[in-house]
Amino acid sequence: MSNAPTAQQAGWTAARPGGPDGRGDAPLGRLAGLREALHAEWTKLRTLPGTPWLAAAIVVASVSVSTAAAAAVRCPSGSCGVDPAKLSLTGIDLGQAVAAIFAVLVISSEYSSGMIRITMTAVPGRVTVLAAKASIVSGLVLAAGIIAVAGSLLAGHAILPGHGFTPAHGYPPLTLANGPVLRAATGSVLYLALIALLSLGIATIIRDPGPAIGAVLGLLYLAPIIAAVVHGTHWQGDVERYAPMTAGLTIQATTSLRSLPITPWAGLGVLAAWAAGALLLGGALLKVRDA
């Protein structure tokens, strides 16, 4: 039998200083492994032709829908019961679908192509692989989200005053100098990143791209429909408080906060809990299942 190290042993050697016997500084080894996994995941994503298109689609989908929503609403006199900031960020409702699909494909496409076996051989620490994917995906979606949110708010800032949303009608200028607007903008960027992490976790659990995308989009978009069906019952409040989309999007609200089913930051916290739960379950299954 040959004494040459296997590919898996060589991967561990590269990821953990101290040689193949495993000796050395373990924390430094884990750090090196994560650093290498991050580099590998970033290299894979940036060299895929679809990555820039999907990132651009998050921006285009969000800004175009937000612009259309702002252009469609008018306030000829007095208070119209419309939240200008939330209205200007309407496109996030669609942009999240692109972010979700992007995150699902990051790992499920490797399962469908068989690339996942190469990934796991190169970096044997499976949780390290998932952490690297989560870091790269959330970073890319955060960057796209910043542009999408900025573009959406700029469109609202340019369009809404001409449609009657003026200080004379009780609507201050739509600017980040306004604390609630800044919170809505920052929260919307974080919302997109959390949706991506939730989607990555679900895709790690399901593995197949089609069912994973269906599960994510169903989880997001069925909740508002269910809330409408059970309108007027105590179930409506529960759905709005604990479903990831309805709870998370409360971060965009800047008016009538007392009527919300859950406070803005608490709602985003609910979404964060969903994302964390999906990633934890996905990581646990990733460790025990065959690639």
Protein backbone atom coordinates (compact mmCIF):
# COMPACT_ATOMS: atom_id res chain seq x y z
CA MET A 1 0.00 0.00 0.00
CA SER A 2 1.32 3.45 -0.92
CA ASN A 3 2.22 5.87 1.86
CA ALA A 4 1.29 8.90 -0.28
CA PRO A 5 -1.42 11.05 1.31
CA THR A 6 -4.89 10.85 -0.14
CA ALA A 7 -6.57 13.94 -1.63
CA GLN A 8 -8.62 14.34 1.54
CA GLN A 9 -5.53 14.11 3.77
CA ALA A 10 -3.75 16.62 1.56
CA GLY A 11 -6.72 18.96 1.93
CA TRP A 12 -6.56 18.75 5.70
CA THR A 13 -2.79 19.34 5.56
CA ALA A 14 -3.30 22.50 3.55
CA ALA A 15 -6.04 23.70 5.87
CA ARG A 16 -4.30 22.93 9.14
CA PRO A 17 -0.73 24.00 9.89
CA GLY A 18 1.34 21.30 11.59
CA GLY A 19 1.35 18.71 8.82
CA PRO A 20 -0.73 15.62 8.16
CA ASP A 21 -0.36 14.40 11.72
CA GLY A 22 -2.70 17.16 12.82
CA ARG A 23 -0.26 18.74 15.24
CA GLY A 24 0.15 22.45 15.47
CA ASP A 25 -2.01 25.39 16.41
CA ALA A 26 -5.62 24.20 15.92
CA PRO A 27 -7.25 27.67 15.96
CA LEU A 28 -4.75 28.85 13.35
CA GLY A 29 -5.49 25.73 11.34
CA ARG A 30 -9.22 26.41 11.36
CA LEU A 31 -8.57 30.01 10.35
CA ALA A 32 -6.34 28.90 7.48
CA GLY A 33 -8.99 26.40 6.35
CA LEU A 34 -11.68 29.05 6.31
CA ARG A 35 -9.42 31.47 4.49
CA GLU A 36 -8.71 28.90 1.78
CA ALA A 37 -12.40 27.99 1.53
CA LEU A 38 -13.33 31.66 1.15
CA HIS A 39 -10.77 32.06 -1.62
CA ALA A 40 -12.05 28.95 -3.39
CA GLU A 41 -15.71 29.98 -3.17
CA TRP A 42 -14.95 33.50 -4.34
CA THR A 43 -12.94 32.15 -7.27
CA LYS A 44 -15.79 29.84 -8.28
CA LEU A 45 -18.45 32.54 -8.09
CA ARG A 46 -16.58 35.32 -9.81
CA THR A 47 -15.64 33.06 -12.73
CA LEU A 48 -19.20 31.86 -13.34
CA PRO A 49 -20.81 33.87 -16.17
CA GLY A 50 -24.18 33.94 -14.41
CA THR A 51 -22.98 35.60 -11.20
CA PRO A 52 -22.76 39.22 -12.44
CA TRP A 53 -26.06 38.83 -14.27
CA LEU A 54 -27.86 37.60 -11.17
CA ALA A 55 -26.34 40.38 -9.07
CA ALA A 56 -27.43 42.92 -11.69
CA ALA A 57 -30.90 41.35 -11.78
CA ILE A 58 -31.33 42.01 -8.05
CA VAL A 59 -30.68 45.70 -8.70
CA VAL A 60 -32.75 45.97 -11.90
CA ALA A 61 -35.74 44.10 -10.49
CA SER A 62 -35.78 46.12 -7.28
CA VAL A 63 -35.29 49.56 -8.83
CA SER A 64 -37.66 49.04 -11.74
CA VAL A 65 -40.55 47.84 -9.56
CA SER A 66 -39.90 50.57 -6.98
CA THR A 67 -39.90 53.21 -9.72
CA ALA A 68 -43.16 51.89 -11.17
CA ALA A 69 -44.77 51.84 -7.73
CA ALA A 70 -43.73 55.42 -6.99
CA ALA A 71 -44.99 56.57 -10.39
CA ALA A 72 -48.37 54.90 -9.89
CA VAL A 73 -49.35 56.61 -6.60
CA ARG A 74 -50.56 60.18 -6.16
CA CYS A 75 -51.49 62.26 -3.13
CA PRO A 76 -53.44 65.31 -4.35
CA SER A 77 -54.32 66.66 -0.93
CA GLY A 78 -53.75 65.98 2.76
CA SER A 79 -52.44 62.74 4.19
CA CYS A 80 -52.98 59.79 1.86
CA GLY A 81 -52.16 57.02 4.30
CA VAL A 82 -49.11 56.01 2.27
CA ASP A 83 -45.65 55.37 3.70
CA PRO A 84 -43.31 57.01 1.13
CA ALA A 85 -40.22 55.09 2.25
CA LYS A 86 -41.96 51.71 2.15
CA LEU A 87 -43.55 52.59 -1.18
CA SER A 88 -40.15 53.50 -2.62
CA LEU A 89 -38.74 50.16 -1.48
CA THR A 90 -41.55 48.07 -2.98
CA GLY A 91 -39.13 46.53 -5.46
CA ILE A 92 -37.35 44.65 -2.69
CA ASP A 93 -40.37 42.31 -2.76
CA LEU A 94 -39.22 41.14 -6.21
CA GLY A 95 -35.48 41.60 -5.76
CA GLN A 96 -35.55 39.10 -2.91
CA ALA A 97 -36.70 36.38 -5.32
CA VAL A 98 -33.59 36.89 -7.45
CA ALA A 99 -31.39 36.91 -4.33
CA ALA A 100 -33.04 33.69 -3.17
CA ILE A 101 -32.53 31.92 -6.51
CA PHE A 102 -28.91 33.07 -6.61
CA ALA A 103 -28.23 31.70 -3.13
CA VAL A 104 -29.95 28.39 -3.87
CA LEU A 105 -27.90 27.85 -7.01
CA VAL A 106 -24.62 28.50 -5.19
CA ILE A 107 -24.78 25.08 -3.54
CA SER A 108 -27.54 23.13 -5.29
CA SER A 109 -25.89 23.51 -8.70
CA GLU A 110 -22.81 21.78 -7.25
CA TYR A 111 -24.95 18.83 -6.18
CA SER A 112 -26.63 18.56 -9.59
CA SER A 113 -23.28 18.70 -11.42
CA GLY A 114 -21.34 16.51 -8.98
CA MET A 115 -18.94 19.37 -8.26
CA ILE A 116 -19.78 19.11 -4.56
CA ARG A 117 -17.56 16.00 -4.26
CA ILE A 118 -14.57 17.97 -5.51
CA THR A 119 -15.41 20.81 -3.13
CA MET A 120 -15.60 18.46 -0.15
CA THR A 121 -12.36 16.76 -1.12
CA ALA A 122 -10.51 20.07 -1.42
CA VAL A 123 -11.93 21.35 1.90
CA PRO A 124 -12.91 18.36 4.08
CA GLY A 125 -14.41 20.58 6.77
CA ARG A 126 -18.01 20.63 5.55
CA VAL A 127 -19.19 23.30 7.96
CA THR A 128 -16.23 25.40 6.83
CA VAL A 129 -17.44 25.07 3.24
CA LEU A 130 -20.94 26.18 4.21
CA ALA A 131 -19.58 29.10 6.25
CA ALA A 132 -17.46 30.18 3.29
CA LYS A 133 -20.42 29.99 0.92
CA ALA A 134 -22.59 31.93 3.37
CA SER A 135 -19.95 34.66 3.71
CA ILE A 136 -19.44 35.07 -0.04
CA VAL A 137 -23.15 34.94 -0.88
CA SER A 138 -24.16 37.41 1.81
CA GLY A 139 -21.33 39.74 0.81
CA LEU A 140 -22.38 39.79 -2.84
CA VAL A 141 -26.05 40.24 -1.99
CA LEU A 142 -25.20 43.03 0.46
CA ALA A 143 -23.31 44.86 -2.30
CA ALA A 144 -26.16 44.42 -4.77
CA GLY A 145 -28.66 45.36 -2.07
CA ILE A 146 -26.92 48.64 -1.31
CA ILE A 147 -27.15 49.65 -4.97
CA ALA A 148 -30.76 48.42 -5.27
CA VAL A 149 -31.93 50.27 -2.16
CA ALA A 150 -30.07 53.45 -3.09
CA GLY A 151 -31.55 53.38 -6.60
CA SER A 152 -35.06 52.74 -5.27
CA LEU A 153 -34.88 55.62 -2.80
CA LEU A 154 -33.45 57.97 -5.42
CA ALA A 155 -36.36 57.11 -7.71
CA GLY A 156 -38.83 57.80 -4.89
CA HIS A 157 -37.04 61.03 -3.98
CA ALA A 158 -37.29 62.21 -7.59
CA ILE A 159 -40.86 61.08 -8.36
CA LEU A 160 -42.95 61.34 -5.19
CA PRO A 161 -42.76 65.12 -4.58
CA GLY A 162 -44.28 65.69 -8.02
CA HIS A 163 -47.15 63.39 -7.07
CA GLY A 164 -48.13 65.35 -3.99
CA PHE A 165 -45.87 63.78 -1.37
CA THR A 166 -44.60 67.12 -0.11
CA PRO A 167 -44.07 68.75 3.31
CA ALA A 168 -47.27 70.72 2.68
CA HIS A 169 -49.16 67.42 2.74
CA GLY A 170 -47.30 66.18 5.80
CA TYR A 171 -44.58 64.22 4.04
CA PRO A 172 -40.98 65.23 4.79
CA PRO A 173 -38.36 64.79 2.04
CA LEU A 174 -37.30 61.21 1.42
CA THR A 175 -33.70 61.39 2.63
CA LEU A 176 -31.29 59.27 4.63
CA ALA A 177 -30.93 62.20 7.03
CA ASN A 178 -34.35 61.13 8.29
CA GLY A 179 -33.79 58.47 10.98
CA PRO A 180 -36.74 56.21 10.08
CA VAL A 181 -35.84 56.33 6.37
CA LEU A 182 -32.23 55.43 7.18
CA ARG A 183 -33.46 52.50 9.26
CA ALA A 184 -35.75 51.36 6.43
CA ALA A 185 -32.90 51.57 3.91
CA THR A 186 -30.32 49.83 6.09
CA GLY A 187 -32.84 47.20 7.13
CA SER A 188 -33.81 46.49 3.52
CA VAL A 189 -30.18 45.77 2.62
CA LEU A 190 -29.87 43.44 5.62
CA TYR A 191 -33.21 41.88 4.68
CA LEU A 192 -31.90 40.85 1.26
CA ALA A 193 -28.75 39.35 2.80
CA LEU A 194 -30.81 37.38 5.32
CA ILE A 195 -33.10 36.10 2.57
CA ALA A 196 -29.99 34.87 0.75
CA LEU A 197 -28.74 33.08 3.88
CA LEU A 198 -32.16 31.53 4.50
CA SER A 199 -32.20 30.32 0.89
CA LEU A 200 -28.69 28.92 1.15
CA GLY A 201 -29.68 26.98 4.27
CA ILE A 202 -32.81 25.56 2.64
CA ALA A 203 -30.85 24.61 -0.49
CA THR A 204 -28.29 22.80 1.69
CA ILE A 205 -31.13 20.82 3.26
CA ILE A 206 -32.95 19.96 0.00
CA ARG A 207 -29.96 19.93 -2.40
CA ASP A 208 -32.04 19.68 -5.61
CA PRO A 209 -32.25 23.15 -7.31
CA GLY A 210 -35.89 23.00 -8.47
CA PRO A 211 -37.50 21.86 -5.21
CA ALA A 212 -35.21 24.15 -3.20
CA ILE A 213 -36.23 27.22 -5.20
CA GLY A 214 -39.87 26.21 -4.93
CA ALA A 215 -39.59 25.74 -1.17
CA VAL A 216 -37.92 29.12 -0.64
CA LEU A 217 -40.32 31.09 -2.83
CA GLY A 218 -43.29 29.27 -1.32
CA LEU A 219 -42.12 30.04 2.20
CA LEU A 220 -41.73 33.72 1.31
CA TYR A 221 -44.73 34.49 -0.87
CA LEU A 222 -47.39 32.15 0.50
CA ALA A 223 -47.41 33.86 3.91
CA PRO A 224 -49.09 37.10 2.71
CA ILE A 225 -51.70 35.00 0.87
CA ILE A 226 -52.37 32.93 3.98
CA ALA A 227 -52.62 36.13 6.06
CA ALA A 228 -55.24 37.47 3.65
CA VAL A 229 -57.22 34.22 3.78
CA VAL A 230 -57.32 34.20 7.59
CA HIS A 231 -57.96 37.95 7.77
CA GLY A 232 -59.88 38.95 10.87
CA THR A 233 -58.79 35.95 12.93
CA HIS A 234 -56.03 35.66 15.52
CA TRP A 235 -54.11 33.55 13.01
CA GLN A 236 -53.54 36.59 10.83
CA GLY A 237 -51.42 38.30 13.48
CA ASP A 238 -49.40 35.12 14.08
CA VAL A 239 -48.64 34.72 10.37
CA GLU A 240 -47.61 38.35 10.02
CA ARG A 241 -45.39 38.21 13.11
CA TYR A 242 -43.61 34.94 12.47
CA ALA A 243 -43.49 34.38 8.70
CA PRO A 244 -40.06 35.41 7.36
CA MET A 245 -41.23 37.81 4.64
CA THR A 246 -44.07 39.56 6.44
CA ALA A 247 -42.06 39.91 9.65
CA GLY A 248 -38.83 40.95 7.94
CA LEU A 249 -40.39 43.61 5.72
CA THR A 250 -41.73 45.52 8.72
CA ILE A 251 -38.22 47.02 8.83
CA GLN A 252 -39.31 49.24 5.92
CA ALA A 253 -42.15 50.92 7.80
CA THR A 254 -41.64 54.57 8.80
CA THR A 255 -45.23 55.57 9.59
CA SER A 256 -48.07 54.08 11.69
CA LEU A 257 -45.61 51.95 13.63
CA ARG A 258 -48.14 51.25 16.39
CA SER A 259 -50.36 49.35 13.94
CA LEU A 260 -47.61 46.94 12.92
CA PRO A 261 -47.95 43.29 14.02
CA ILE A 262 -44.32 43.39 15.21
CA THR A 263 -41.76 46.17 15.66
CA PRO A 264 -39.36 46.74 12.73
CA TRP A 265 -36.15 45.45 14.30
CA ALA A 266 -37.94 42.56 16.00
CA GLY A 267 -39.40 41.59 12.62
CA LEU A 268 -35.94 41.55 11.08
CA GLY A 269 -34.84 39.46 14.05
CA VAL A 270 -37.52 36.88 13.20
CA LEU A 271 -36.10 36.61 9.68
CA ALA A 272 -32.58 36.28 11.14
CA ALA A 273 -33.81 33.42 13.32
CA TRP A 274 -35.27 31.67 10.26
CA ALA A 275 -31.96 32.09 8.41
CA ALA A 276 -29.91 30.84 11.37
CA GLY A 277 -32.19 27.83 11.84
CA ALA A 278 -31.97 26.87 8.16
CA LEU A 279 -28.17 27.19 8.14
CA LEU A 280 -27.77 25.21 11.36
CA LEU A 281 -29.97 22.38 10.10
CA GLY A 282 -28.29 22.50 6.71
CA GLY A 283 -24.85 22.37 8.33
CA ALA A 284 -25.84 19.43 10.52
CA LEU A 285 -27.18 17.47 7.54
CA LEU A 286 -24.14 18.38 5.46
CA LYS A 287 -21.90 16.74 8.06
CA VAL A 288 -23.77 13.43 8.20
CA ARG A 289 -24.92 12.90 4.62
CA ASP A 290 -22.90 11.60 1.71
CA ALA A 291 -21.86 14.21 -0.82
